[in-house]
Amino acid sequence: MAVASAFAGMTGVAPVLFRAACPDCRGRFELSAAALRLAVGASSRTTFYSFTCPDCGEAVRKPAGERIVELLTGGGVRTLRLHSGT
């Protein structure tokens, strides 16, 4: 089956939304992939995702384990790979 025929019936794809919460104002909301950033470092301590809270405007940074990294990258979140200085 050709790719074009496999997707022929689709008129659009719903954007992926991620649930998030702000530790400062305790707001809960959904963010698009474009609103999130993922940094993947050499260890779990240097792997995190970040966003700006749409309610209070604070910059939020949270740790990202393997499952979170998998979900965010699969959902199209822009990823920065951090390299060690050695």
PDB file of N, CA and C in Angstrom:
ATOM      1  N   MET A   1       0.852  -1.178   0.000  1.00  0.00           N
ATOM      2  CA  MET A   1       0.000   0.000   0.000  1.00  0.00           C
ATOM      3  C   MET A   1       0.896   1.239   0.000  1.00  0.00           C
ATOM      4  N   ALA A   2       0.601   2.166  -0.847  1.00  0.00           N
ATOM      5  CA  ALA A   2       1.368   3.408  -0.929  1.00  0.00           C
ATOM      6  C   ALA A   2       1.003   4.312   0.243  1.00  0.00           C
ATOM      7  N   VAL A   3       1.950   5.158   0.638  1.00  0.00           N
ATOM      8  CA  VAL A   3       1.720   6.087   1.744  1.00  0.00           C
ATOM      9  C   VAL A   3       0.543   7.001   1.437  1.00  0.00           C
ATOM     10  N   ALA A   4       0.468   7.498   0.213  1.00  0.00           N
ATOM     11  CA  ALA A   4      -0.619   8.409  -0.161  1.00  0.00           C
ATOM     12  C   ALA A   4      -1.981   7.743   0.021  1.00  0.00           C
ATOM     13  N   SER A   5      -2.121   6.477  -0.363  1.00  0.00           N
ATOM     14  CA  SER A   5      -3.410   5.811  -0.220  1.00  0.00           C
ATOM     15  C   SER A   5      -3.702   5.471   1.240  1.00  0.00           C
ATOM     16  N   ALA A   6      -2.675   5.209   2.023  1.00  0.00           N
ATOM     17  CA  ALA A   6      -2.868   4.903   3.440  1.00  0.00           C
ATOM     18  C   ALA A   6      -3.434   6.097   4.195  1.00  0.00           C
ATOM     19  N   PHE A   7      -3.064   7.306   3.792  1.00  0.00           N
ATOM     20  CA  PHE A   7      -3.510   8.516   4.469  1.00  0.00           C
ATOM     21  C   PHE A   7      -4.595   9.266   3.694  1.00  0.00           C
ATOM     22  N   ALA A   8      -5.130   8.669   2.646  1.00  0.00           N
ATOM     23  CA  ALA A   8      -6.091   9.345   1.777  1.00  0.00           C
ATOM     24  C   ALA A   8      -7.344   9.811   2.514  1.00  0.00           C
ATOM     25  N   GLY A   9      -7.806   9.055   3.490  1.00  0.00           N
ATOM     26  CA  GLY A   9      -9.027   9.414   4.194  1.00  0.00           C
ATOM     27  C   GLY A   9      -8.842  10.421   5.310  1.00  0.00           C
ATOM     28  N   MET A  10      -7.613  10.750   5.630  1.00  0.00           N
ATOM     29  CA  MET A  10      -7.350  11.671   6.741  1.00  0.00           C
ATOM     30  C   MET A  10      -7.420  13.110   6.260  1.00  0.00           C
ATOM     31  N   THR A  11      -8.178  13.923   6.964  1.00  0.00           N
ATOM     32  CA  THR A  11      -8.268  15.335   6.612  1.00  0.00           C
ATOM     33  C   THR A  11      -7.346  16.184   7.472  1.00  0.00           C
ATOM     34  N   GLY A  12      -6.919  15.669   8.593  1.00  0.00           N
ATOM     35  CA  GLY A  12      -6.021  16.417   9.472  1.00  0.00           C
ATOM     36  C   GLY A  12      -5.673  15.567  10.673  1.00  0.00           C
ATOM     37  N   VAL A  13      -4.617  15.930  11.324  1.00  0.00           N
ATOM     38  CA  VAL A  13      -4.188  15.215  12.511  1.00  0.00           C
ATOM     39  C   VAL A  13      -4.280  16.173  13.686  1.00  0.00           C
ATOM     40  N   ALA A  14      -4.909  15.723  14.750  1.00  0.00           N
ATOM     41  CA  ALA A  14      -5.030  16.565  15.934  1.00  0.00           C
ATOM     42  C   ALA A  14      -3.650  16.787  16.547  1.00  0.00           C
ATOM     43  N   PRO A  15      -3.359  17.999  16.980  1.00  0.00           N
ATOM     44  CA  PRO A  15      -2.053  18.245  17.602  1.00  0.00           C
ATOM     45  C   PRO A  15      -1.928  17.500  18.925  1.00  0.00           C
ATOM     46  N   VAL A  16      -0.712  17.106  19.247  1.00  0.00           N
ATOM     47  CA  VAL A  16      -0.444  16.428  20.507  1.00  0.00           C
ATOM     48  C   VAL A  16      -0.413  17.475  21.612  1.00  0.00           C
ATOM     49  N   LEU A  17      -1.107  17.197  22.699  1.00  0.00           N
ATOM     50  CA  LEU A  17      -1.091  18.082  23.857  1.00  0.00           C
ATOM     51  C   LEU A  17      -0.562  17.309  25.058  1.00  0.00           C
ATOM     52  N   PHE A  18       0.220  17.992  25.867  1.00  0.00           N
ATOM     53  CA  PHE A  18       0.816  17.395  27.056  1.00  0.00           C
ATOM     54  C   PHE A  18       0.255  18.086  28.283  1.00  0.00           C
ATOM     55  N   ARG A  19      -0.135  17.302  29.281  1.00  0.00           N
ATOM     56  CA  ARG A  19      -0.604  17.873  30.546  1.00  0.00           C
ATOM     57  C   ARG A  19       0.604  18.299  31.356  1.00  0.00           C
ATOM     58  N   ALA A  20       0.491  19.458  31.974  1.00  0.00           N
ATOM     59  CA  ALA A  20       1.588  19.976  32.792  1.00  0.00           C
ATOM     60  C   ALA A  20       1.007  20.746  33.967  1.00  0.00           C
ATOM     61  N   ALA A  21       1.860  21.021  34.928  1.00  0.00           N
ATOM     62  CA  ALA A  21       1.455  21.784  36.104  1.00  0.00           C
ATOM     63  C   ALA A  21       2.601  22.699  36.512  1.00  0.00           C
ATOM     64  N   CYS A  22       2.244  23.830  37.079  1.00  0.00           N
ATOM     65  CA  CYS A  22       3.232  24.795  37.544  1.00  0.00           C
ATOM     66  C   CYS A  22       3.412  24.645  39.054  1.00  0.00           C
ATOM     67  N   PRO A  23       4.648  24.444  39.512  1.00  0.00           N
ATOM     68  CA  PRO A  23       4.867  24.325  40.951  1.00  0.00           C
ATOM     69  C   PRO A  23       4.725  25.662  41.688  1.00  0.00           C
ATOM     70  N   ASP A  24       4.804  26.778  40.969  1.00  0.00           N
ATOM     71  CA  ASP A  24       4.703  28.089  41.613  1.00  0.00           C
ATOM     72  C   ASP A  24       3.253  28.494  41.886  1.00  0.00           C
ATOM     73  N   CYS A  25       2.427  28.511  40.827  1.00  0.00           N
ATOM     74  CA  CYS A  25       1.035  28.950  41.002  1.00  0.00           C
ATOM     75  C   CYS A  25       0.058  27.788  41.111  1.00  0.00           C
ATOM     76  N   ARG A  26       0.562  26.565  40.938  1.00  0.00           N
ATOM     77  CA  ARG A  26      -0.221  25.340  41.000  1.00  0.00           C
ATOM     78  C   ARG A  26      -1.252  25.233  39.876  1.00  0.00           C
ATOM     79  N   GLY A  27      -1.053  26.001  38.820  1.00  0.00           N
ATOM     80  CA  GLY A  27      -1.936  25.909  37.655  1.00  0.00           C
ATOM     81  C   GLY A  27      -1.742  24.580  36.944  1.00  0.00           C
ATOM     82  N   ARG A  28      -2.843  24.087  36.350  1.00  0.00           N
ATOM     83  CA  ARG A  28      -2.798  22.850  35.572  1.00  0.00           C
ATOM     84  C   ARG A  28      -3.328  23.199  34.189  1.00  0.00           C
ATOM     85  N   PHE A  29      -2.662  22.695  33.156  1.00  0.00           N
ATOM     86  CA  PHE A  29      -3.004  23.094  31.795  1.00  0.00           C
ATOM     87  C   PHE A  29      -2.459  22.078  30.810  1.00  0.00           C
ATOM     88  N   GLU A  30      -2.781  22.269  29.550  1.00  0.00           N
ATOM     89  CA  GLU A  30      -2.246  21.443  28.470  1.00  0.00           C
ATOM     90  C   GLU A  30      -1.375  22.324  27.596  1.00  0.00           C
ATOM     91  N   LEU A  31      -0.235  21.777  27.166  1.00  0.00           N
ATOM     92  CA  LEU A  31       0.712  22.517  26.334  1.00  0.00           C
ATOM     93  C   LEU A  31       0.958  21.759  25.033  1.00  0.00           C
ATOM     94  N   SER A  32       1.154  22.501  23.967  1.00  0.00           N
ATOM     95  CA  SER A  32       1.515  21.886  22.693  1.00  0.00           C
ATOM     96  C   SER A  32       3.001  21.543  22.711  1.00  0.00           C
ATOM     97  N   ALA A  33       3.428  20.735  21.767  1.00  0.00           N
ATOM     98  CA  ALA A  33       4.838  20.366  21.665  1.00  0.00           C
ATOM     99  C   ALA A  33       5.709  21.606  21.488  1.00  0.00           C
ATOM    100  N   ALA A  34       5.209  22.606  20.790  1.00  0.00           N
ATOM    101  CA  ALA A  34       5.981  23.827  20.550  1.00  0.00           C
ATOM    102  C   ALA A  34       6.235  24.624  21.828  1.00  0.00           C
ATOM    103  N   ALA A  35       5.416  24.425  22.856  1.00  0.00           N
ATOM    104  CA  ALA A  35       5.565  25.171  24.115  1.00  0.00           C
ATOM    105  C   ALA A  35       6.565  24.527  25.065  1.00  0.00           C
ATOM    106  N   LEU A  36       7.045  23.336  24.734  1.00  0.00           N
ATOM    107  CA  LEU A  36       7.958  22.598  25.596  1.00  0.00           C
ATOM    108  C   LEU A  36       9.339  22.499  24.971  1.00  0.00           C
ATOM    109  N   ARG A  37      10.350  22.362  25.804  1.00  0.00           N
ATOM    110  CA  ARG A  37      11.720  22.102  25.364  1.00  0.00           C
ATOM    111  C   ARG A  37      12.249  20.944  26.188  1.00  0.00           C
ATOM    112  N   LEU A  38      13.005  20.074  25.550  1.00  0.00           N
ATOM    113  CA  LEU A  38      13.585  18.923  26.220  1.00  0.00           C
ATOM    114  C   LEU A  38      15.096  18.983  26.075  1.00  0.00           C
ATOM    115  N   ALA A  39      15.806  18.835  27.186  1.00  0.00           N
ATOM    116  CA  ALA A  39      17.273  18.780  27.168  1.00  0.00           C
ATOM    117  C   ALA A  39      17.676  17.399  27.660  1.00  0.00           C
ATOM    118  N   VAL A  40      18.424  16.680  26.837  1.00  0.00           N
ATOM    119  CA  VAL A  40      18.868  15.335  27.181  1.00  0.00           C
ATOM    120  C   VAL A  40      20.359  15.381  27.464  1.00  0.00           C
ATOM    121  N   GLY A  41      20.720  15.112  28.712  1.00  0.00           N
ATOM    122  CA  GLY A  41      22.113  15.140  29.123  1.00  0.00           C
ATOM    123  C   GLY A  41      22.683  13.749  29.283  1.00  0.00           C
ATOM    124  N   ALA A  42      23.878  13.700  29.808  1.00  0.00           N
ATOM    125  CA  ALA A  42      24.585  12.431  29.990  1.00  0.00           C
ATOM    126  C   ALA A  42      24.033  11.616  31.154  1.00  0.00           C
ATOM    127  N   SER A  43      23.281  12.241  32.049  1.00  0.00           N
ATOM    128  CA  SER A  43      22.735  11.528  33.204  1.00  0.00           C
ATOM    129  C   SER A  43      21.305  11.982  33.468  1.00  0.00           C
ATOM    130  N   SER A  44      20.651  11.313  34.387  1.00  0.00           N
ATOM    131  CA  SER A  44      19.284  11.702  34.734  1.00  0.00           C
ATOM    132  C   SER A  44      19.241  13.086  35.379  1.00  0.00           C
ATOM    133  N   ARG A  45      20.336  13.483  36.025  1.00  0.00           N
ATOM    134  CA  ARG A  45      20.384  14.818  36.653  1.00  0.00           C
ATOM    135  C   ARG A  45      20.452  15.935  35.630  1.00  0.00           C
ATOM    136  N   THR A  46      20.923  15.634  34.431  1.00  0.00           N
ATOM    137  CA  THR A  46      21.057  16.673  33.406  1.00  0.00           C
ATOM    138  C   THR A  46      20.051  16.497  32.269  1.00  0.00           C
ATOM    139  N   THR A  47      19.021  15.685  32.502  1.00  0.00           N
ATOM    140  CA  THR A  47      17.958  15.514  31.516  1.00  0.00           C
ATOM    141  C   THR A  47      16.678  16.104  32.101  1.00  0.00           C
ATOM    142  N   PHE A  48      16.096  17.071  31.388  1.00  0.00           N
ATOM    143  CA  PHE A  48      14.931  17.781  31.910  1.00  0.00           C
ATOM    144  C   PHE A  48      14.104  18.358  30.773  1.00  0.00           C
ATOM    145  N   TYR A  49      12.881  18.749  31.102  1.00  0.00           N
ATOM    146  CA  TYR A  49      12.067  19.502  30.153  1.00  0.00           C
ATOM    147  C   TYR A  49      11.698  20.823  30.804  1.00  0.00           C
ATOM    148  N   SER A  50      11.378  21.793  29.958  1.00  0.00           N
ATOM    149  CA  SER A  50      11.058  23.114  30.493  1.00  0.00           C
ATOM    150  C   SER A  50       9.957  23.758  29.666  1.00  0.00           C
ATOM    151  N   PHE A  51       9.293  24.716  30.304  1.00  0.00           N
ATOM    152  CA  PHE A  51       8.238  25.484  29.654  1.00  0.00           C
ATOM    153  C   PHE A  51       7.983  26.742  30.469  1.00  0.00           C
ATOM    154  N   THR A  52       7.258  27.661  29.901  1.00  0.00           N
ATOM    155  CA  THR A  52       6.837  28.870  30.613  1.00  0.00           C
ATOM    156  C   THR A  52       5.381  28.676  30.998  1.00  0.00           C
ATOM    157  N   CYS A  53       5.062  28.868  32.263  1.00  0.00           N
ATOM    158  CA  CYS A  53       3.698  28.695  32.739  1.00  0.00           C
ATOM    159  C   CYS A  53       2.783  29.717  32.058  1.00  0.00           C
ATOM    160  N   PRO A  54       1.725  29.246  31.402  1.00  0.00           N
ATOM    161  CA  PRO A  54       0.821  30.188  30.749  1.00  0.00           C
ATOM    162  C   PRO A  54      -0.037  30.986  31.733  1.00  0.00           C
ATOM    163  N   ASP A  55      -0.125  30.538  32.978  1.00  0.00           N
ATOM    164  CA  ASP A  55      -0.924  31.237  33.980  1.00  0.00           C
ATOM    165  C   ASP A  55      -0.151  32.357  34.680  1.00  0.00           C
ATOM    166  N   CYS A  56       1.074  32.057  35.130  1.00  0.00           N
ATOM    167  CA  CYS A  56       1.819  33.051  35.909  1.00  0.00           C
ATOM    168  C   CYS A  56       3.079  33.561  35.208  1.00  0.00           C
ATOM    169  N   GLY A  57       3.491  32.926  34.112  1.00  0.00           N
ATOM    170  CA  GLY A  57       4.652  33.392  33.360  1.00  0.00           C
ATOM    171  C   GLY A  57       5.998  32.926  33.883  1.00  0.00           C
ATOM    172  N   GLU A  58       6.005  32.093  34.925  1.00  0.00           N
ATOM    173  CA  GLU A  58       7.268  31.602  35.481  1.00  0.00           C
ATOM    174  C   GLU A  58       7.887  30.533  34.578  1.00  0.00           C
ATOM    175  N   ALA A  59       9.215  30.520  34.530  1.00  0.00           N
ATOM    176  CA  ALA A  59       9.936  29.463  33.828  1.00  0.00           C
ATOM    177  C   ALA A  59       9.931  28.227  34.718  1.00  0.00           C
ATOM    178  N   VAL A  60       9.544  27.084  34.153  1.00  0.00           N
ATOM    179  CA  VAL A  60       9.446  25.840  34.903  1.00  0.00           C
ATOM    180  C   VAL A  60      10.410  24.830  34.296  1.00  0.00           C
ATOM    181  N   ARG A  61      11.134  24.137  35.145  1.00  0.00           N
ATOM    182  CA  ARG A  61      12.083  23.104  34.712  1.00  0.00           C
ATOM    183  C   ARG A  61      11.833  21.874  35.571  1.00  0.00           C
ATOM    184  N   LYS A  62      11.601  20.732  34.909  1.00  0.00           N
ATOM    185  CA  LYS A  62      11.307  19.498  35.631  1.00  0.00           C
ATOM    186  C   LYS A  62      12.184  18.371  35.100  1.00  0.00           C
ATOM    187  N   PRO A  63      12.561  17.425  35.966  1.00  0.00           N
ATOM    188  CA  PRO A  63      13.376  16.281  35.523  1.00  0.00           C
ATOM    189  C   PRO A  63      12.587  15.412  34.552  1.00  0.00           C
ATOM    190  N   ALA A  64      13.302  14.785  33.620  1.00  0.00           N
ATOM    191  CA  ALA A  64      12.661  13.913  32.639  1.00  0.00           C
ATOM    192  C   ALA A  64      13.335  12.545  32.639  1.00  0.00           C
ATOM    193  N   GLY A  65      12.616  11.551  33.115  1.00  0.00           N
ATOM    194  CA  GLY A  65      13.108  10.182  33.069  1.00  0.00           C
ATOM    195  C   GLY A  65      12.949   9.617  31.665  1.00  0.00           C
ATOM    196  N   GLU A  66      13.337   8.366  31.505  1.00  0.00           N
ATOM    197  CA  GLU A  66      13.307   7.730  30.185  1.00  0.00           C
ATOM    198  C   GLU A  66      11.926   7.763  29.544  1.00  0.00           C
ATOM    199  N   ARG A  67      10.888   7.474  30.315  1.00  0.00           N
ATOM    200  CA  ARG A  67       9.522   7.445  29.761  1.00  0.00           C
ATOM    201  C   ARG A  67       9.088   8.834  29.308  1.00  0.00           C
ATOM    202  N   ILE A  68       9.381   9.853  30.092  1.00  0.00           N
ATOM    203  CA  ILE A  68       9.029  11.229  29.716  1.00  0.00           C
ATOM    204  C   ILE A  68       9.768  11.622  28.447  1.00  0.00           C
ATOM    205  N   VAL A  69      11.051  11.303  28.359  1.00  0.00           N
ATOM    206  CA  VAL A  69      11.830  11.607  27.156  1.00  0.00           C
ATOM    207  C   VAL A  69      11.189  10.932  25.946  1.00  0.00           C
ATOM    208  N   GLU A  70      10.801   9.686  26.108  1.00  0.00           N
ATOM    209  CA  GLU A  70      10.167   8.933  25.019  1.00  0.00           C
ATOM    210  C   GLU A  70       8.860   9.590  24.576  1.00  0.00           C
ATOM    211  N   LEU A  71       8.029   9.975  25.523  1.00  0.00           N
ATOM    212  CA  LEU A  71       6.755  10.606  25.201  1.00  0.00           C
ATOM    213  C   LEU A  71       6.932  11.964  24.536  1.00  0.00           C
ATOM    214  N   LEU A  72       7.842  12.769  25.076  1.00  0.00           N
ATOM    215  CA  LEU A  72       8.044  14.111  24.520  1.00  0.00           C
ATOM    216  C   LEU A  72       8.650  14.068  23.121  1.00  0.00           C
ATOM    217  N   THR A  73       9.658  13.236  22.928  1.00  0.00           N
ATOM    218  CA  THR A  73      10.261  13.155  21.587  1.00  0.00           C
ATOM    219  C   THR A  73       9.268  12.579  20.592  1.00  0.00           C
ATOM    220  N   GLY A  74       8.496  11.579  21.003  1.00  0.00           N
ATOM    221  CA  GLY A  74       7.482  10.999  20.127  1.00  0.00           C
ATOM    222  C   GLY A  74       6.385  11.979  19.772  1.00  0.00           C
ATOM    223  N   GLY A  75       6.148  12.946  20.657  1.00  0.00           N
ATOM    224  CA  GLY A  75       5.118  13.959  20.427  1.00  0.00           C
ATOM    225  C   GLY A  75       5.615  15.191  19.701  1.00  0.00           C
ATOM    226  N   GLY A  76       6.884  15.179  19.292  1.00  0.00           N
ATOM    227  CA  GLY A  76       7.399  16.289  18.493  1.00  0.00           C
ATOM    228  C   GLY A  76       8.006  17.440  19.257  1.00  0.00           C
ATOM    229  N   VAL A  77       8.324  17.245  20.533  1.00  0.00           N
ATOM    230  CA  VAL A  77       8.944  18.314  21.319  1.00  0.00           C
ATOM    231  C   VAL A  77      10.387  18.516  20.847  1.00  0.00           C
ATOM    232  N   ARG A  78      10.758  19.768  20.663  1.00  0.00           N
ATOM    233  CA  ARG A  78      12.121  20.088  20.242  1.00  0.00           C
ATOM    234  C   ARG A  78      13.111  19.647  21.315  1.00  0.00           C
ATOM    235  N   THR A  79      14.162  18.945  20.876  1.00  0.00           N
ATOM    236  CA  THR A  79      15.113  18.340  21.804  1.00  0.00           C
ATOM    237  C   THR A  79      16.518  18.891  21.605  1.00  0.00           C
ATOM    238  N   LEU A  80      17.166  19.205  22.703  1.00  0.00           N
ATOM    239  CA  LEU A  80      18.565  19.638  22.705  1.00  0.00           C
ATOM    240  C   LEU A  80      19.363  18.553  23.377  1.00  0.00           C
ATOM    241  N   ARG A  81      20.368  18.050  22.705  1.00  0.00           N
ATOM    242  CA  ARG A  81      21.247  17.017  23.277  1.00  0.00           C
ATOM    243  C   ARG A  81      22.456  17.716  23.892  1.00  0.00           C
ATOM    244  N   LEU A  82      22.634  17.538  25.188  1.00  0.00           N
ATOM    245  CA  LEU A  82      23.748  18.149  25.901  1.00  0.00           C
ATOM    246  C   LEU A  82      24.927  17.202  25.896  1.00  0.00           C
ATOM    247  N   HIS A  83      26.105  17.711  25.639  1.00  0.00           N
ATOM    248  CA  HIS A  83      27.307  16.880  25.614  1.00  0.00           C
ATOM    249  C   HIS A  83      28.179  17.241  26.806  1.00  0.00           C
ATOM    250  N   SER A  84      28.898  16.250  27.312  1.00  0.00           N
ATOM    251  CA  SER A  84      29.814  16.518  28.431  1.00  0.00           C
ATOM    252  C   SER A  84      31.017  17.276  27.935  1.00  0.00           C
ATOM    253  N   GLY A  85      31.676  17.959  28.811  1.00  0.00           N
ATOM    254  CA  GLY A  85      32.814  18.787  28.456  1.00  0.00           C
ATOM    255  C   GLY A  85      34.119  18.034  28.304  1.00  0.00           C
ATOM    256  N   THR A  86      34.113  16.707  28.365  1.00  0.00           N
ATOM    257  CA  THR A  86      35.352  15.943  28.274  1.00  0.00           C
ATOM    258  C   THR A  86      35.627  15.487  26.871  1.00  0.00           C
TER     259      THR A  86
END
